[in-house]
C-alpha cells in the first residue's frame, strides 16, 4: 500500500472530514452541556418551591438532581447545604457550603451561612475566623451580620470583653439588628447585668422579629423577672412566649416555667 501524499486529494478530504467530525463533537458536547444546564435549573427551581413550602425532603431531592447535572454550580451547592441544615445533617451541610466556596470563594451567602453552621456545631474558633473574614471583605453588604456572628463566637470562647466590643461595633453599623441585640442581651444577662439585658430584649421585641425569636426573648425576660421576684411580669412574658410559639422550644419551656409559678 502506498503512502498518501500530504498534498493529495485523498489527504485533504481526510483532513476536512476530521475537522467536520471534531466540530460536530464539540457542538454536540456544548449542546449536551446546555441541555444539562437547563435541566439542572429546572430541578433547582422546583426544589426552591418545595423548600419554600416546607417540603424539605422533596426539595433536597431536586437540589441533588440539579447538582448532579451541574456539579460546578455554587448556587446549587449552597442550596444543598442549607437544605441539609434544615434536616440537621450538619456534616453534609458543611461539605456543600465549603464546596460552594471552593467554586466561588467570594460567595458571601455561603460564607455567612457557614459561619452560622459552625456556631451551631459549637466550633466557635472556626466560626469566628469565617465571620471575621467576611467582615474584612469590603464588598460584603451588611458587615453587622458578620460582626454579630463573630461576637457570639468570641463570647462562647470566653472572651467576654472582646465580644462586648464587637457587639458595640455591630450596633454602630446597624443599631436595630435584632440578632446582635439578642446575643448581647444574653451576654449581659449571663454576666449579671439584668437592667441592660432587659433593655436589649425589649429592643428586640420592638423589631417584631417573628414568633420564634419573640418567644425566646419573652422566655428570657420571664426568667429575669422570676429572679427579680416580679412574678406578675414573669407570668406576662412567659404567657406571651407560649402564645407566640406553643409547639416550639421556647413555648414549651415557658409552659413548664409557668407550671412552677402557679
C-alpha atoms as a PDB file:
ATOM      1  CA  UNK A   1       0.000   0.000   0.000  1.00  0.00           C
ATOM      2  CA  UNK A   2       1.393   3.366  -0.986  1.00  0.00           C
ATOM      3  CA  UNK A   3       1.560   6.304   1.428  1.00  0.00           C
ATOM      4  CA  UNK A   4      -0.906   9.160   0.959  1.00  0.00           C
ATOM      5  CA  UNK A   5       0.796  12.385  -0.093  1.00  0.00           C
ATOM      6  CA  UNK A   6       0.157  15.391   2.146  1.00  0.00           C
ATOM      7  CA  UNK A   7      -0.955  17.264  -0.958  1.00  0.00           C
ATOM      8  CA  UNK A   8      -3.143  14.540  -2.483  1.00  0.00           C
ATOM      9  CA  UNK A   9      -6.922  14.994  -2.744  1.00  0.00           C
ATOM     10  CA  UNK A  10      -7.413  11.962  -0.556  1.00  0.00           C
ATOM     11  CA  UNK A  11      -5.389  13.549   2.272  1.00  0.00           C
ATOM     12  CA  UNK A  12      -7.278  16.848   2.003  1.00  0.00           C
ATOM     13  CA  UNK A  13     -10.616  15.041   2.096  1.00  0.00           C
ATOM     14  CA  UNK A  14      -9.454  13.182   5.196  1.00  0.00           C
ATOM     15  CA  UNK A  15      -8.462  16.448   6.909  1.00  0.00           C
ATOM     16  CA  UNK A  16     -11.823  18.079   6.107  1.00  0.00           C
ATOM     17  CA  UNK A  17     -13.674  15.014   7.363  1.00  0.00           C
ATOM     18  CA  UNK A  18     -11.692  15.060  10.592  1.00  0.00           C
ATOM     19  CA  UNK A  19     -12.363  18.748  11.141  1.00  0.00           C
ATOM     20  CA  UNK A  20     -16.059  18.305  10.498  1.00  0.00           C
ATOM     21  CA  UNK A  21     -16.181  15.377  12.872  1.00  0.00           C
ATOM     22  CA  UNK A  22     -14.321  17.385  15.504  1.00  0.00           C
ATOM     23  CA  UNK A  23     -16.663  20.320  15.058  1.00  0.00           C
ATOM     24  CA  UNK A  24     -19.714  18.130  15.364  1.00  0.00           C
ATOM     25  CA  UNK A  25     -18.348  16.526  18.501  1.00  0.00           C
ATOM     26  CA  UNK A  26     -17.650  19.916  20.070  1.00  0.00           C
ATOM     27  CA  UNK A  27     -21.071  21.166  19.061  1.00  0.00           C
ATOM     28  CA  UNK A  28     -22.671  18.030  20.430  1.00  0.00           C
ATOM     29  CA  UNK A  29     -20.835  18.396  23.750  1.00  0.00           C
ATOM     30  CA  UNK A  30     -21.838  22.034  24.026  1.00  0.00           C
ATOM     31  CA  UNK A  31     -25.440  21.193  23.215  1.00  0.00           C
ATOM     32  CA  UNK A  32     -25.391  18.469  25.831  1.00  0.00           C
ATOM     33  CA  UNK A  33     -23.955  20.861  28.416  1.00  0.00           C
ATOM     34  CA  UNK A  34     -26.615  23.437  27.634  1.00  0.00           C
ATOM     35  CA  UNK A  35     -29.338  20.825  27.931  1.00  0.00           C
ATOM     36  CA  UNK A  36     -27.921  19.652  31.274  1.00  0.00           C
ATOM     37  CA  UNK A  37     -27.798  23.249  32.491  1.00  0.00           C
ATOM     38  CA  UNK A  38     -31.464  23.753  31.573  1.00  0.00           C
ATOM     39  CA  UNK A  39     -32.492  20.530  33.272  1.00  0.00           C
ATOM     40  CA  UNK A  40     -30.437  21.427  36.344  1.00  0.00           C
ATOM     41  CA  UNK A  41     -32.072  24.844  36.573  1.00  0.00           C
ATOM     42  CA  UNK A  42     -35.484  23.248  36.313  1.00  0.00           C
ATOM     43  CA  UNK A  43     -34.664  20.854  39.162  1.00  0.00           C
ATOM     44  CA  UNK A  44     -33.314  23.754  41.224  1.00  0.00           C
ATOM     45  CA  UNK A  45     -36.405  25.932  40.682  1.00  0.00           C
ATOM     46  CA  UNK A  46     -38.692  23.054  41.641  1.00  0.00           C
ATOM     47  CA  UNK A  47     -36.513  22.452  44.702  1.00  0.00           C
ATOM     48  CA  UNK A  48     -36.844  26.093  45.775  1.00  0.00           C
ATOM     49  CA  UNK A  49     -40.616  25.839  45.558  1.00  0.00           C
ATOM     50  CA  UNK A  50     -40.623  22.656  47.656  1.00  0.00           C
ATOM     51  CA  UNK A  51     -38.350  24.138  50.322  1.00  0.00           C
ATOM     52  CA  UNK A  52     -40.275  27.414  50.489  1.00  0.00           C
ATOM     53  CA  UNK A  53     -43.429  25.405  51.140  1.00  0.00           C
ATOM     54  CA  UNK A  54     -41.899  23.246  53.844  1.00  0.00           C
ATOM     55  CA  UNK A  55     -41.302  20.143  51.730  1.00  0.00           C
ATOM     56  CA  UNK A  56     -37.628  19.932  52.614  1.00  0.00           C
ATOM     57  CA  UNK A  57     -37.122  16.287  51.638  1.00  0.00           C
ATOM     58  CA  UNK A  58     -38.584  16.818  48.163  1.00  0.00           C
ATOM     59  CA  UNK A  59     -36.576  19.996  47.751  1.00  0.00           C
ATOM     60  CA  UNK A  60     -33.400  18.200  48.761  1.00  0.00           C
ATOM     61  CA  UNK A  61     -34.068  15.555  46.116  1.00  0.00           C
ATOM     62  CA  UNK A  62     -34.393  18.224  43.438  1.00  0.00           C
ATOM     63  CA  UNK A  63     -31.247  20.045  44.576  1.00  0.00           C
ATOM     64  CA  UNK A  64     -29.290  16.791  44.410  1.00  0.00           C
ATOM     65  CA  UNK A  65     -30.515  16.241  40.854  1.00  0.00           C
ATOM     66  CA  UNK A  66     -29.506  19.798  39.917  1.00  0.00           C
ATOM     67  CA  UNK A  67     -26.027  19.403  41.423  1.00  0.00           C
ATOM     68  CA  UNK A  68     -25.530  16.071  39.662  1.00  0.00           C
ATOM     69  CA  UNK A  69     -26.202  17.750  36.321  1.00  0.00           C
ATOM     70  CA  UNK A  70     -24.185  20.911  37.123  1.00  0.00           C
ATOM     71  CA  UNK A  71     -21.620  19.988  39.803  1.00  0.00           C
ATOM     72  CA  UNK A  72     -19.693  23.258  39.357  1.00  0.00           C
ATOM     73  CA  UNK A  73     -22.680  25.464  40.146  1.00  0.00           C
ATOM     74  CA  UNK A  74     -22.039  27.157  43.508  1.00  0.00           C
ATOM     75  CA  UNK A  75     -25.679  28.179  43.911  1.00  0.00           C
ATOM     76  CA  UNK A  76     -26.825  24.564  43.834  1.00  0.00           C
ATOM     77  CA  UNK A  77     -24.159  23.554  46.349  1.00  0.00           C
ATOM     78  CA  UNK A  78     -25.253  26.371  48.652  1.00  0.00           C
ATOM     79  CA  UNK A  79     -28.904  25.331  48.351  1.00  0.00           C
ATOM     80  CA  UNK A  80     -27.952  21.762  49.234  1.00  0.00           C
ATOM     81  CA  UNK A  81     -26.041  22.979  52.260  1.00  0.00           C
ATOM     82  CA  UNK A  82     -28.981  24.977  53.549  1.00  0.00           C
ATOM     83  CA  UNK A  83     -31.436  22.119  52.960  1.00  0.00           C
ATOM     84  CA  UNK A  84     -29.173  19.773  54.925  1.00  0.00           C
ATOM     85  CA  UNK A  85     -29.052  22.340  57.740  1.00  0.00           C
ATOM     86  CA  UNK A  86     -32.837  22.202  57.973  1.00  0.00           C
ATOM     87  CA  UNK A  87     -32.638  18.418  58.186  1.00  0.00           C
ATOM     88  CA  UNK A  88     -29.915  18.792  60.857  1.00  0.00           C
ATOM     89  CA  UNK A  89     -27.465  16.812  58.735  1.00  0.00           C
ATOM     90  CA  UNK A  90     -24.660  19.165  59.617  1.00  0.00           C
ATOM     91  CA  UNK A  91     -21.719  17.238  58.175  1.00  0.00           C
ATOM     92  CA  UNK A  92     -23.308  17.122  54.726  1.00  0.00           C
ATOM     93  CA  UNK A  93     -24.357  20.762  55.094  1.00  0.00           C
ATOM     94  CA  UNK A  94     -20.809  21.876  55.821  1.00  0.00           C
ATOM     95  CA  UNK A  95     -19.421  19.833  52.941  1.00  0.00           C
ATOM     96  CA  UNK A  96     -21.740  21.503  50.446  1.00  0.00           C
ATOM     97  CA  UNK A  97     -21.206  25.006  51.803  1.00  0.00           C
ATOM     98  CA  UNK A  98     -17.456  24.541  51.578  1.00  0.00           C
ATOM     99  CA  UNK A  99     -17.859  23.141  48.079  1.00  0.00           C
ATOM    100  CA  UNK A 100     -19.774  26.289  47.097  1.00  0.00           C
ATOM    101  CA  UNK A 101     -16.882  28.378  48.403  1.00  0.00           C
ATOM    102  CA  UNK A 102     -14.327  26.293  46.516  1.00  0.00           C
ATOM    103  CA  UNK A 103     -16.227  27.048  43.330  1.00  0.00           C
ATOM    104  CA  UNK A 104     -16.901  30.704  44.189  1.00  0.00           C
ATOM    105  CA  UNK A 105     -14.651  31.979  47.033  1.00  0.00           C
ATOM    106  CA  UNK A 106     -16.486  35.342  47.197  1.00  0.00           C
ATOM    107  CA  UNK A 107     -19.926  33.765  47.588  1.00  0.00           C
ATOM    108  CA  UNK A 108     -20.997  35.869  50.569  1.00  0.00           C
ATOM    109  CA  UNK A 109     -24.153  33.984  51.496  1.00  0.00           C
ATOM    110  CA  UNK A 110     -22.279  30.684  51.559  1.00  0.00           C
ATOM    111  CA  UNK A 111     -19.557  32.064  53.841  1.00  0.00           C
ATOM    112  CA  UNK A 112     -22.074  33.735  56.146  1.00  0.00           C
ATOM    113  CA  UNK A 113     -24.152  30.586  56.435  1.00  0.00           C
ATOM    114  CA  UNK A 114     -21.014  28.533  57.005  1.00  0.00           C
ATOM    115  CA  UNK A 115     -20.179  30.758  59.988  1.00  0.00           C
ATOM    116  CA  UNK A 116     -23.718  30.230  61.333  1.00  0.00           C
ATOM    117  CA  UNK A 117     -23.417  26.474  60.866  1.00  0.00           C
ATOM    118  CA  UNK A 118     -20.076  26.399  62.671  1.00  0.00           C
ATOM    119  CA  UNK A 119     -21.709  28.247  65.584  1.00  0.00           C
ATOM    120  CA  UNK A 120     -24.482  25.642  65.633  1.00  0.00           C
ATOM    121  CA  UNK A 121     -21.879  22.883  65.755  1.00  0.00           C
ATOM    122  CA  UNK A 122     -20.004  24.505  68.625  1.00  0.00           C
ATOM    123  CA  UNK A 123     -16.865  25.129  66.559  1.00  0.00           C
ATOM    124  CA  UNK A 124     -16.518  28.664  67.812  1.00  0.00           C
ATOM    125  CA  UNK A 125     -12.962  29.450  66.730  1.00  0.00           C
ATOM    126  CA  UNK A 126     -13.677  28.265  63.188  1.00  0.00           C
ATOM    127  CA  UNK A 127     -16.887  30.312  63.227  1.00  0.00           C
ATOM    128  CA  UNK A 128     -15.010  33.386  64.464  1.00  0.00           C
ATOM    129  CA  UNK A 129     -12.451  33.071  61.667  1.00  0.00           C
ATOM    130  CA  UNK A 130     -15.146  32.644  58.995  1.00  0.00           C
ATOM    131  CA  UNK A 131     -17.130  35.617  60.295  1.00  0.00           C
ATOM    132  CA  UNK A 132     -14.033  37.814  60.590  1.00  0.00           C
ATOM    133  CA  UNK A 133     -13.007  37.025  57.014  1.00  0.00           C
ATOM    134  CA  UNK A 134     -16.452  38.076  55.872  1.00  0.00           C
ATOM    135  CA  UNK A 135     -16.323  41.302  57.892  1.00  0.00           C
ATOM    136  CA  UNK A 136     -12.904  42.098  56.415  1.00  0.00           C
ATOM    137  CA  UNK A 137     -14.310  41.810  52.888  1.00  0.00           C
ATOM    138  CA  UNK A 138     -15.257  45.367  51.830  1.00  0.00           C
ATOM    139  CA  UNK A 139     -17.639  44.009  49.200  1.00  0.00           C
ATOM    140  CA  UNK A 140     -19.814  42.182  51.755  1.00  0.00           C
ATOM    141  CA  UNK A 141     -23.113  44.035  52.216  1.00  0.00           C
ATOM    142  CA  UNK A 142     -24.232  44.050  55.835  1.00  0.00           C
ATOM    143  CA  UNK A 143     -20.972  43.768  57.823  1.00  0.00           C
ATOM    144  CA  UNK A 144     -23.033  43.921  61.041  1.00  0.00           C
ATOM    145  CA  UNK A 145     -24.258  40.398  60.267  1.00  0.00           C
ATOM    146  CA  UNK A 146     -20.705  39.061  60.224  1.00  0.00           C
ATOM    147  CA  UNK A 147     -19.848  41.016  63.368  1.00  0.00           C
ATOM    148  CA  UNK A 148     -22.824  39.596  65.225  1.00  0.00           C
ATOM    149  CA  UNK A 149     -21.614  36.062  64.474  1.00  0.00           C
ATOM    150  CA  UNK A 150     -18.058  36.983  65.435  1.00  0.00           C
ATOM    151  CA  UNK A 151     -19.226  38.492  68.714  1.00  0.00           C
ATOM    152  CA  UNK A 152     -21.208  35.404  69.637  1.00  0.00           C
ATOM    153  CA  UNK A 153     -18.237  33.159  68.829  1.00  0.00           C
ATOM    154  CA  UNK A 154     -15.977  35.336  70.985  1.00  0.00           C
ATOM    155  CA  UNK A 155     -18.423  35.146  73.868  1.00  0.00           C
ATOM    156  CA  UNK A 156     -18.655  31.372  73.609  1.00  0.00           C
ATOM    157  CA  UNK A 157     -14.845  31.255  73.652  1.00  0.00           C
ATOM    158  CA  UNK A 158     -14.910  33.114  76.991  1.00  0.00           C
ATOM    159  CA  UNK A 159     -13.671  36.396  75.543  1.00  0.00           C
ATOM    160  CA  UNK A 160     -16.399  38.497  77.148  1.00  0.00           C
ATOM    161  CA  UNK A 161     -14.931  41.980  76.720  1.00  0.00           C
ATOM    162  CA  UNK A 162     -13.935  41.297  73.119  1.00  0.00           C
ATOM    163  CA  UNK A 163     -17.467  40.093  72.438  1.00  0.00           C
ATOM    164  CA  UNK A 164     -18.990  43.161  74.081  1.00  0.00           C
ATOM    165  CA  UNK A 165     -16.759  45.423  71.960  1.00  0.00           C
ATOM    166  CA  UNK A 166     -17.689  43.516  68.804  1.00  0.00           C
ATOM    167  CA  UNK A 167     -21.394  43.861  69.563  1.00  0.00           C
ATOM    168  CA  UNK A 168     -20.880  47.584  70.184  1.00  0.00           C
ATOM    169  CA  UNK A 169     -19.297  47.850  66.730  1.00  0.00           C
ATOM    170  CA  UNK A 170     -22.188  45.855  65.287  1.00  0.00           C
ATOM    171  CA  UNK A 171     -24.638  48.403  66.691  1.00  0.00           C
ATOM    172  CA  UNK A 172     -22.672  51.276  65.160  1.00  0.00           C
ATOM    173  CA  UNK A 173     -23.237  49.733  61.736  1.00  0.00           C
ATOM    174  CA  UNK A 174     -26.861  48.825  62.440  1.00  0.00           C
ATOM    175  CA  UNK A 175     -28.384  49.791  65.802  1.00  0.00           C
ATOM    176  CA  UNK A 176     -31.580  47.776  65.235  1.00  0.00           C
ATOM    177  CA  UNK A 177     -30.135  44.471  64.003  1.00  0.00           C
ATOM    178  CA  UNK A 178     -32.078  42.219  66.336  1.00  0.00           C
ATOM    179  CA  UNK A 179     -29.816  39.100  66.307  1.00  0.00           C
ATOM    180  CA  UNK A 180     -26.972  41.234  67.697  1.00  0.00           C
ATOM    181  CA  UNK A 181     -29.299  42.806  70.284  1.00  0.00           C
ATOM    182  CA  UNK A 182     -30.437  39.339  71.343  1.00  0.00           C
ATOM    183  CA  UNK A 183     -26.898  37.972  71.566  1.00  0.00           C
ATOM    184  CA  UNK A 184     -25.726  40.961  73.563  1.00  0.00           C
ATOM    185  CA  UNK A 185     -28.793  40.663  75.795  1.00  0.00           C
ATOM    186  CA  UNK A 186     -27.892  37.050  76.583  1.00  0.00           C
ATOM    187  CA  UNK A 187     -24.318  38.097  77.327  1.00  0.00           C
ATOM    188  CA  UNK A 188     -25.412  40.886  79.693  1.00  0.00           C
ATOM    189  CA  UNK A 189     -27.973  38.657  81.405  1.00  0.00           C
ATOM    190  CA  UNK A 190     -25.458  35.882  81.995  1.00  0.00           C
ATOM    191  CA  UNK A 191     -22.958  38.433  83.265  1.00  0.00           C
ATOM    192  CA  UNK A 192     -25.485  39.600  85.869  1.00  0.00           C
ATOM    193  CA  UNK A 193     -26.321  42.919  84.220  1.00  0.00           C
ATOM    194  CA  UNK A 194     -30.079  42.456  84.233  1.00  0.00           C
ATOM    195  CA  UNK A 195     -31.254  46.047  83.572  1.00  0.00           C
ATOM    196  CA  UNK A 196     -29.040  46.184  80.469  1.00  0.00           C
ATOM    197  CA  UNK A 197     -30.344  42.799  79.353  1.00  0.00           C
ATOM    198  CA  UNK A 198     -33.986  43.839  79.811  1.00  0.00           C
ATOM    199  CA  UNK A 199     -33.416  46.955  77.737  1.00  0.00           C
ATOM    200  CA  UNK A 200     -31.809  44.921  74.953  1.00  0.00           C
ATOM    201  CA  UNK A 201     -34.540  42.277  74.968  1.00  0.00           C
ATOM    202  CA  UNK A 202     -37.233  44.926  74.771  1.00  0.00           C
ATOM    203  CA  UNK A 203     -35.404  46.457  71.815  1.00  0.00           C
ATOM    204  CA  UNK A 204     -35.547  43.060  70.095  1.00  0.00           C
ATOM    205  CA  UNK A 205     -39.300  42.779  70.673  1.00  0.00           C
ATOM    206  CA  UNK A 206     -39.755  46.259  69.226  1.00  0.00           C
ATOM    207  CA  UNK A 207     -38.382  44.927  65.907  1.00  0.00           C
ATOM    208  CA  UNK A 208     -41.042  42.175  65.774  1.00  0.00           C
ATOM    209  CA  UNK A 209     -38.540  39.569  64.530  1.00  0.00           C
ATOM    210  CA  UNK A 210     -41.052  36.737  64.270  1.00  0.00           C
ATOM    211  CA  UNK A 211     -42.743  34.158  66.526  1.00  0.00           C
ATOM    212  CA  UNK A 212     -39.684  32.023  67.266  1.00  0.00           C
ATOM    213  CA  UNK A 213     -37.398  34.886  68.242  1.00  0.00           C
ATOM    214  CA  UNK A 214     -40.152  36.678  70.146  1.00  0.00           C
ATOM    215  CA  UNK A 215     -40.913  33.513  72.108  1.00  0.00           C
ATOM    216  CA  UNK A 216     -37.234  33.171  73.059  1.00  0.00           C
ATOM    217  CA  UNK A 217     -36.972  36.800  74.169  1.00  0.00           C
ATOM    218  CA  UNK A 218     -40.163  36.584  76.213  1.00  0.00           C
ATOM    219  CA  UNK A 219     -38.905  33.425  77.894  1.00  0.00           C
ATOM    220  CA  UNK A 220     -35.610  35.103  78.755  1.00  0.00           C
ATOM    221  CA  UNK A 221     -37.413  38.168  80.083  1.00  0.00           C
ATOM    222  CA  UNK A 222     -39.625  35.862  82.136  1.00  0.00           C
ATOM    223  CA  UNK A 223     -36.516  34.245  83.639  1.00  0.00           C
ATOM    224  CA  UNK A 224     -35.089  37.623  84.608  1.00  0.00           C
ATOM    225  CA  UNK A 225     -38.325  38.777  86.237  1.00  0.00           C
ATOM    226  CA  UNK A 226     -38.584  35.500  88.162  1.00  0.00           C
ATOM    227  CA  UNK A 227     -35.071  36.100  89.512  1.00  0.00           C
ATOM    228  CA  UNK A 228     -36.073  39.652  90.456  1.00  0.00           C
ATOM    229  CA  UNK A 229     -39.147  38.390  92.324  1.00  0.00           C
ATOM    230  CA  UNK A 230     -41.533  40.124  89.912  1.00  0.00           C
ATOM    231  CA  UNK A 231     -43.975  37.276  89.442  1.00  0.00           C
ATOM    232  CA  UNK A 232     -46.691  39.113  87.503  1.00  0.00           C
ATOM    233  CA  UNK A 233     -44.201  40.444  84.939  1.00  0.00           C
ATOM    234  CA  UNK A 234     -42.674  36.986  84.638  1.00  0.00           C
ATOM    235  CA  UNK A 235     -46.086  35.407  84.008  1.00  0.00           C
ATOM    236  CA  UNK A 236     -46.862  38.073  81.430  1.00  0.00           C
ATOM    237  CA  UNK A 237     -43.754  37.309  79.370  1.00  0.00           C
ATOM    238  CA  UNK A 238     -43.894  33.537  79.770  1.00  0.00           C
ATOM    239  CA  UNK A 239     -47.518  33.545  78.655  1.00  0.00           C
ATOM    240  CA  UNK A 240     -46.586  35.663  75.639  1.00  0.00           C
ATOM    241  CA  UNK A 241     -43.907  33.100  74.731  1.00  0.00           C
ATOM    242  CA  UNK A 242     -46.454  30.274  74.830  1.00  0.00           C
ATOM    243  CA  UNK A 243     -48.850  32.255  72.639  1.00  0.00           C
ATOM    244  CA  UNK A 244     -46.121  33.089  70.114  1.00  0.00           C
ATOM    245  CA  UNK A 245     -44.772  29.557  69.708  1.00  0.00           C
ATOM    246  CA  UNK A 246     -46.898  26.996  71.581  1.00  0.00           C
ATOM    247  CA  UNK A 247     -45.251  23.976  69.964  1.00  0.00           C
ATOM    248  CA  UNK A 248     -41.759  25.432  69.739  1.00  0.00           C
ATOM    249  CA  UNK A 249     -38.805  25.035  72.080  1.00  0.00           C
ATOM    250  CA  UNK A 250     -39.306  28.345  73.880  1.00  0.00           C
ATOM    251  CA  UNK A 251     -43.070  27.986  74.139  1.00  0.00           C
ATOM    252  CA  UNK A 252     -42.687  24.590  75.768  1.00  0.00           C
ATOM    253  CA  UNK A 253     -40.016  25.848  78.160  1.00  0.00           C
ATOM    254  CA  UNK A 254     -42.240  28.777  79.071  1.00  0.00           C
ATOM    255  CA  UNK A 255     -45.173  26.444  79.729  1.00  0.00           C
ATOM    256  CA  UNK A 256     -43.008  24.434  82.130  1.00  0.00           C
ATOM    257  CA  UNK A 257     -41.895  27.617  83.893  1.00  0.00           C
ATOM    258  CA  UNK A 258     -45.493  28.770  84.239  1.00  0.00           C
ATOM    259  CA  UNK A 259     -46.435  25.470  85.916  1.00  0.00           C
ATOM    260  CA  UNK A 260     -43.792  26.152  88.585  1.00  0.00           C
ATOM    261  CA  UNK A 261     -45.213  29.645  89.202  1.00  0.00           C
ATOM    262  CA  UNK A 262     -48.820  28.510  89.637  1.00  0.00           C
END
